[in-house]
Amino acid sequence: MAWLTFSQIAITCKDPLVTELFYTKNFGFKRARVAKLPDGDQIVFIKMADSEFYLELFRAKEEFPLASPINDGPQYPGLRHLAFKVDNVDAKLAEIGNDAKITLGPLNFDDYIPGWRTVWIADPDGRIVEISQGFVDEDNPLSLEADLNNLVLSK
């Protein structure tokens, strides 16, 4: 397979500058590029420190047609939430301060992964952002093929 990396998520914002400030202040993003559009608007690219990952910020042209997501995000097909790993959830919440609009948690998931702790907050546009500590990969997860075989056998 040719070189491939996850590059960016484009998000539509009520006020891109407010959203940019939230992610730069609280999650280490830095402005990387501003693309001026013919209509006078702009797209702002913010890059996460020490990575090749960007958030691409667009100004909203219409109101969000649904109720704002709650808890850990919407339950319908779509983007559920953005997520960041930290060393300590409680320390990160203290660092974020009044910007941390908690929607769920903090919750401990020690029954699944020892030390896994998560909180969900809303960004300025109401998008859910997960902040998690202690999540680690499973040593030998059930393979996709085995899951597909189980699905076929259960029918």
C-alpha atoms as a PDB file:
ATOM      1  CA  MET A   1       0.000   0.000   0.000  1.00  0.00           C
ATOM      2  CA  ALA A   2       1.235   3.501  -0.817  1.00  0.00           C
ATOM      3  CA  TRP A   3       2.032   5.947   2.021  1.00  0.00           C
ATOM      4  CA  LEU A   4      -1.119   6.998   3.849  1.00  0.00           C
ATOM      5  CA  THR A   5      -1.808   9.100   6.928  1.00  0.00           C
ATOM      6  CA  PHE A   6      -4.920  10.522   8.568  1.00  0.00           C
ATOM      7  CA  SER A   7      -4.726  14.220   7.785  1.00  0.00           C
ATOM      8  CA  GLN A   8      -7.643  16.322   8.952  1.00  0.00           C
ATOM      9  CA  ILE A   9     -11.222  16.715  10.025  1.00  0.00           C
ATOM     10  CA  ALA A  10     -13.192  19.611   8.570  1.00  0.00           C
ATOM     11  CA  ILE A  11     -15.588  21.193  11.043  1.00  0.00           C
ATOM     12  CA  THR A  12     -18.171  23.901  10.526  1.00  0.00           C
ATOM     13  CA  CYS A  13     -18.228  26.531  13.271  1.00  0.00           C
ATOM     14  CA  LYS A  14     -20.577  29.288  14.423  1.00  0.00           C
ATOM     15  CA  ASP A  15     -17.479  31.453  14.949  1.00  0.00           C
ATOM     16  CA  PRO A  16     -14.257  29.889  13.658  1.00  0.00           C
ATOM     17  CA  LEU A  17     -12.094  32.244  15.733  1.00  0.00           C
ATOM     18  CA  VAL A  18     -13.805  31.181  18.983  1.00  0.00           C
ATOM     19  CA  THR A  19     -13.418  27.520  17.987  1.00  0.00           C
ATOM     20  CA  GLU A  20      -9.768  28.087  17.010  1.00  0.00           C
ATOM     21  CA  LEU A  21      -9.058  29.722  20.373  1.00  0.00           C
ATOM     22  CA  PHE A  22     -10.651  26.761  22.225  1.00  0.00           C
ATOM     23  CA  TYR A  23      -8.492  24.158  20.454  1.00  0.00           C
ATOM     24  CA  THR A  24      -5.273  26.198  20.491  1.00  0.00           C
ATOM     25  CA  LYS A  25      -5.629  27.108  24.165  1.00  0.00           C
ATOM     26  CA  ASN A  26      -6.752  23.685  25.426  1.00  0.00           C
ATOM     27  CA  PHE A  27      -5.347  21.065  23.039  1.00  0.00           C
ATOM     28  CA  GLY A  28      -2.098  22.478  21.640  1.00  0.00           C
ATOM     29  CA  PHE A  29      -3.187  23.321  18.103  1.00  0.00           C
ATOM     30  CA  LYS A  30      -1.474  26.132  16.169  1.00  0.00           C
ATOM     31  CA  ARG A  31      -2.655  28.072  13.144  1.00  0.00           C
ATOM     32  CA  ALA A  32      -0.976  26.564  10.074  1.00  0.00           C
ATOM     33  CA  ARG A  33      -2.711  28.176   7.096  1.00  0.00           C
ATOM     34  CA  VAL A  34      -5.513  30.560   6.187  1.00  0.00           C
ATOM     35  CA  ALA A  35      -7.158  30.113   2.796  1.00  0.00           C
ATOM     36  CA  LYS A  36      -9.080  33.193   1.645  1.00  0.00           C
ATOM     37  CA  LEU A  37     -12.234  32.356  -0.313  1.00  0.00           C
ATOM     38  CA  PRO A  38     -13.727  34.346  -3.214  1.00  0.00           C
ATOM     39  CA  ASP A  39     -16.791  35.264  -1.107  1.00  0.00           C
ATOM     40  CA  GLY A  40     -14.544  36.999   1.466  1.00  0.00           C
ATOM     41  CA  ASP A  41     -14.763  34.162   3.981  1.00  0.00           C
ATOM     42  CA  GLN A  42     -11.794  32.004   4.926  1.00  0.00           C
ATOM     43  CA  ILE A  43     -10.859  28.461   5.894  1.00  0.00           C
ATOM     44  CA  VAL A  44      -8.493  28.247   8.855  1.00  0.00           C
ATOM     45  CA  PHE A  45      -6.269  25.172   9.253  1.00  0.00           C
ATOM     46  CA  ILE A  46      -5.006  24.508  12.772  1.00  0.00           C
ATOM     47  CA  LYS A  47      -2.376  21.824  13.319  1.00  0.00           C
ATOM     48  CA  MET A  48      -1.974  19.670  16.402  1.00  0.00           C
ATOM     49  CA  ALA A  49       1.495  20.026  17.943  1.00  0.00           C
ATOM     50  CA  ASP A  50       4.033  17.328  17.044  1.00  0.00           C
ATOM     51  CA  SER A  51       1.742  15.720  14.469  1.00  0.00           C
ATOM     52  CA  GLU A  52       0.498  15.968  10.911  1.00  0.00           C
ATOM     53  CA  PHE A  53      -3.135  16.257  12.039  1.00  0.00           C
ATOM     54  CA  TYR A  54      -5.255  19.332  11.283  1.00  0.00           C
ATOM     55  CA  LEU A  55      -8.671  20.692  12.075  1.00  0.00           C
ATOM     56  CA  GLU A  56     -10.038  22.592   9.085  1.00  0.00           C
ATOM     57  CA  LEU A  57     -12.395  25.328  10.328  1.00  0.00           C
ATOM     58  CA  PHE A  58     -15.246  26.625   8.162  1.00  0.00           C
ATOM     59  CA  ARG A  59     -17.783  29.331   9.076  1.00  0.00           C
ATOM     60  CA  ALA A  60     -21.361  27.999   9.317  1.00  0.00           C
ATOM     61  CA  LYS A  61     -23.775  29.284   6.695  1.00  0.00           C
ATOM     62  CA  GLU A  62     -26.892  27.917   8.404  1.00  0.00           C
ATOM     63  CA  GLU A  63     -28.137  26.837  11.819  1.00  0.00           C
ATOM     64  CA  PHE A  64     -27.645  23.267  13.071  1.00  0.00           C
ATOM     65  CA  PRO A  65     -30.947  21.450  12.330  1.00  0.00           C
ATOM     66  CA  LEU A  66     -30.846  19.039  15.298  1.00  0.00           C
ATOM     67  CA  ALA A  67     -30.678  19.352  19.061  1.00  0.00           C
ATOM     68  CA  SER A  68     -27.116  19.676  20.355  1.00  0.00           C
ATOM     69  CA  PRO A  69     -25.490  16.320  21.158  1.00  0.00           C
ATOM     70  CA  ILE A  70     -25.415  15.217  24.794  1.00  0.00           C
ATOM     71  CA  ASN A  71     -23.392  12.794  26.918  1.00  0.00           C
ATOM     72  CA  ASP A  72     -20.691  11.147  24.746  1.00  0.00           C
ATOM     73  CA  GLY A  73     -22.209  12.205  21.420  1.00  0.00           C
ATOM     74  CA  PRO A  74     -25.020  11.353  19.029  1.00  0.00           C
ATOM     75  CA  GLN A  75     -26.270   7.793  18.755  1.00  0.00           C
ATOM     76  CA  TYR A  76     -27.209   8.034  15.057  1.00  0.00           C
ATOM     77  CA  PRO A  77     -24.701   7.287  12.236  1.00  0.00           C
ATOM     78  CA  GLY A  78     -22.179  10.102  11.974  1.00  0.00           C
ATOM     79  CA  LEU A  79     -19.257  11.548  13.900  1.00  0.00           C
ATOM     80  CA  ARG A  80     -19.831  10.742  17.574  1.00  0.00           C
ATOM     81  CA  HIS A  81     -17.036  12.839  19.105  1.00  0.00           C
ATOM     82  CA  LEU A  82     -13.436  13.997  18.787  1.00  0.00           C
ATOM     83  CA  ALA A  83     -11.049  12.408  21.295  1.00  0.00           C
ATOM     84  CA  PHE A  84      -7.746  13.296  22.944  1.00  0.00           C
ATOM     85  CA  LYS A  85      -5.518  11.170  25.200  1.00  0.00           C
ATOM     86  CA  VAL A  86      -3.932  12.782  28.260  1.00  0.00           C
ATOM     87  CA  ASP A  87      -1.878  11.582  31.231  1.00  0.00           C
ATOM     88  CA  ASN A  88      -4.444  12.741  33.783  1.00  0.00           C
ATOM     89  CA  VAL A  89      -8.092  13.616  33.067  1.00  0.00           C
ATOM     90  CA  ASP A  90      -8.582  15.568  36.287  1.00  0.00           C
ATOM     91  CA  ALA A  91      -5.447  17.666  35.728  1.00  0.00           C
ATOM     92  CA  LYS A  92      -6.560  18.421  32.160  1.00  0.00           C
ATOM     93  CA  LEU A  93     -10.018  19.481  33.370  1.00  0.00           C
ATOM     94  CA  ALA A  94      -8.386  21.797  35.908  1.00  0.00           C
ATOM     95  CA  GLU A  95      -6.154  23.225  33.156  1.00  0.00           C
ATOM     96  CA  ILE A  96      -9.130  23.838  30.846  1.00  0.00           C
ATOM     97  CA  GLY A  97     -11.043  25.496  33.696  1.00  0.00           C
ATOM     98  CA  ASN A  98     -14.265  27.299  32.750  1.00  0.00           C
ATOM     99  CA  ASP A  99     -13.924  26.205  29.101  1.00  0.00           C
ATOM    100  CA  ALA A 100     -14.726  22.631  30.231  1.00  0.00           C
ATOM    101  CA  LYS A 101     -18.482  22.281  29.691  1.00  0.00           C
ATOM    102  CA  ILE A 102     -18.841  18.681  30.926  1.00  0.00           C
ATOM    103  CA  THR A 103     -21.512  16.631  29.146  1.00  0.00           C
ATOM    104  CA  LEU A 104     -20.708  13.279  30.823  1.00  0.00           C
ATOM    105  CA  GLY A 105     -18.308  11.989  33.464  1.00  0.00           C
ATOM    106  CA  PRO A 106     -15.605  11.734  34.458  1.00  0.00           C
ATOM    107  CA  LEU A 107     -16.198   7.970  34.382  1.00  0.00           C
ATOM    108  CA  ASN A 108     -13.861   5.107  35.285  1.00  0.00           C
ATOM    109  CA  PHE A 109     -13.730   2.069  32.998  1.00  0.00           C
ATOM    110  CA  ASP A 110     -11.435  -0.095  35.139  1.00  0.00           C
ATOM    111  CA  ASP A 111     -13.689  -3.125  34.507  1.00  0.00           C
ATOM    112  CA  TYR A 112     -12.584  -2.998  30.866  1.00  0.00           C
ATOM    113  CA  ILE A 113      -9.074  -1.503  30.988  1.00  0.00           C
ATOM    114  CA  PRO A 114      -7.358  -0.797  34.339  1.00  0.00           C
ATOM    115  CA  GLY A 115      -6.704   2.941  34.651  1.00  0.00           C
ATOM    116  CA  TRP A 116      -9.020   3.972  31.812  1.00  0.00           C
ATOM    117  CA  ARG A 117     -10.834   7.196  32.794  1.00  0.00           C
ATOM    118  CA  THR A 118     -12.792   9.497  30.502  1.00  0.00           C
ATOM    119  CA  VAL A 119     -14.740  12.747  30.499  1.00  0.00           C
ATOM    120  CA  TRP A 120     -16.700  14.346  27.669  1.00  0.00           C
ATOM    121  CA  ILE A 121     -16.998  18.108  27.200  1.00  0.00           C
ATOM    122  CA  ALA A 122     -18.664  20.357  24.617  1.00  0.00           C
ATOM    123  CA  ASP A 123     -16.613  22.690  22.444  1.00  0.00           C
ATOM    124  CA  PRO A 124     -17.930  26.212  21.662  1.00  0.00           C
ATOM    125  CA  ASP A 125     -20.114  24.816  18.834  1.00  0.00           C
ATOM    126  CA  GLY A 126     -21.549  21.998  20.962  1.00  0.00           C
ATOM    127  CA  ARG A 127     -19.398  19.235  19.414  1.00  0.00           C
ATOM    128  CA  ILE A 128     -18.547  16.562  21.949  1.00  0.00           C
ATOM    129  CA  VAL A 129     -14.845  16.187  22.820  1.00  0.00           C
ATOM    130  CA  GLU A 130     -13.616  13.146  24.748  1.00  0.00           C
ATOM    131  CA  ILE A 131     -10.633  13.473  27.081  1.00  0.00           C
ATOM    132  CA  SER A 132      -9.288  10.090  28.147  1.00  0.00           C
ATOM    133  CA  GLN A 133      -6.436   8.577  30.130  1.00  0.00           C
ATOM    134  CA  GLY A 134      -5.190   5.008  30.391  1.00  0.00           C
ATOM    135  CA  PHE A 135      -6.601   3.547  27.170  1.00  0.00           C
ATOM    136  CA  VAL A 136      -4.273   0.905  25.712  1.00  0.00           C
ATOM    137  CA  ASP A 137      -4.548  -1.526  22.817  1.00  0.00           C
ATOM    138  CA  GLU A 138      -5.672  -5.077  23.506  1.00  0.00           C
ATOM    139  CA  ASP A 139      -2.859  -7.642  23.175  1.00  0.00           C
ATOM    140  CA  ASN A 140      -4.799 -10.044  20.949  1.00  0.00           C
ATOM    141  CA  PRO A 141      -8.145  -8.577  19.883  1.00  0.00           C
ATOM    142  CA  LEU A 142     -10.653 -10.739  18.038  1.00  0.00           C
ATOM    143  CA  SER A 143      -9.829 -10.405  14.339  1.00  0.00           C
ATOM    144  CA  LEU A 144     -12.159  -8.860  11.784  1.00  0.00           C
ATOM    145  CA  GLU A 145     -12.263 -12.194   9.983  1.00  0.00           C
ATOM    146  CA  ALA A 146     -13.377 -14.025  13.150  1.00  0.00           C
ATOM    147  CA  ASP A 147     -16.071 -11.402  13.753  1.00  0.00           C
ATOM    148  CA  LEU A 148     -17.290 -11.788  10.161  1.00  0.00           C
ATOM    149  CA  ASN A 149     -17.343 -15.587  10.537  1.00  0.00           C
ATOM    150  CA  ASN A 150     -19.368 -15.263  13.753  1.00  0.00           C
ATOM    151  CA  LEU A 151     -21.798 -12.981  11.935  1.00  0.00           C
ATOM    152  CA  VAL A 152     -22.242 -15.493   9.092  1.00  0.00           C
ATOM    153  CA  LEU A 153     -22.692 -18.393  11.560  1.00  0.00           C
ATOM    154  CA  SER A 154     -25.333 -16.513  13.543  1.00  0.00           C
ATOM    155  CA  LYS A 155     -27.551 -16.042  10.471  1.00  0.00           C
END
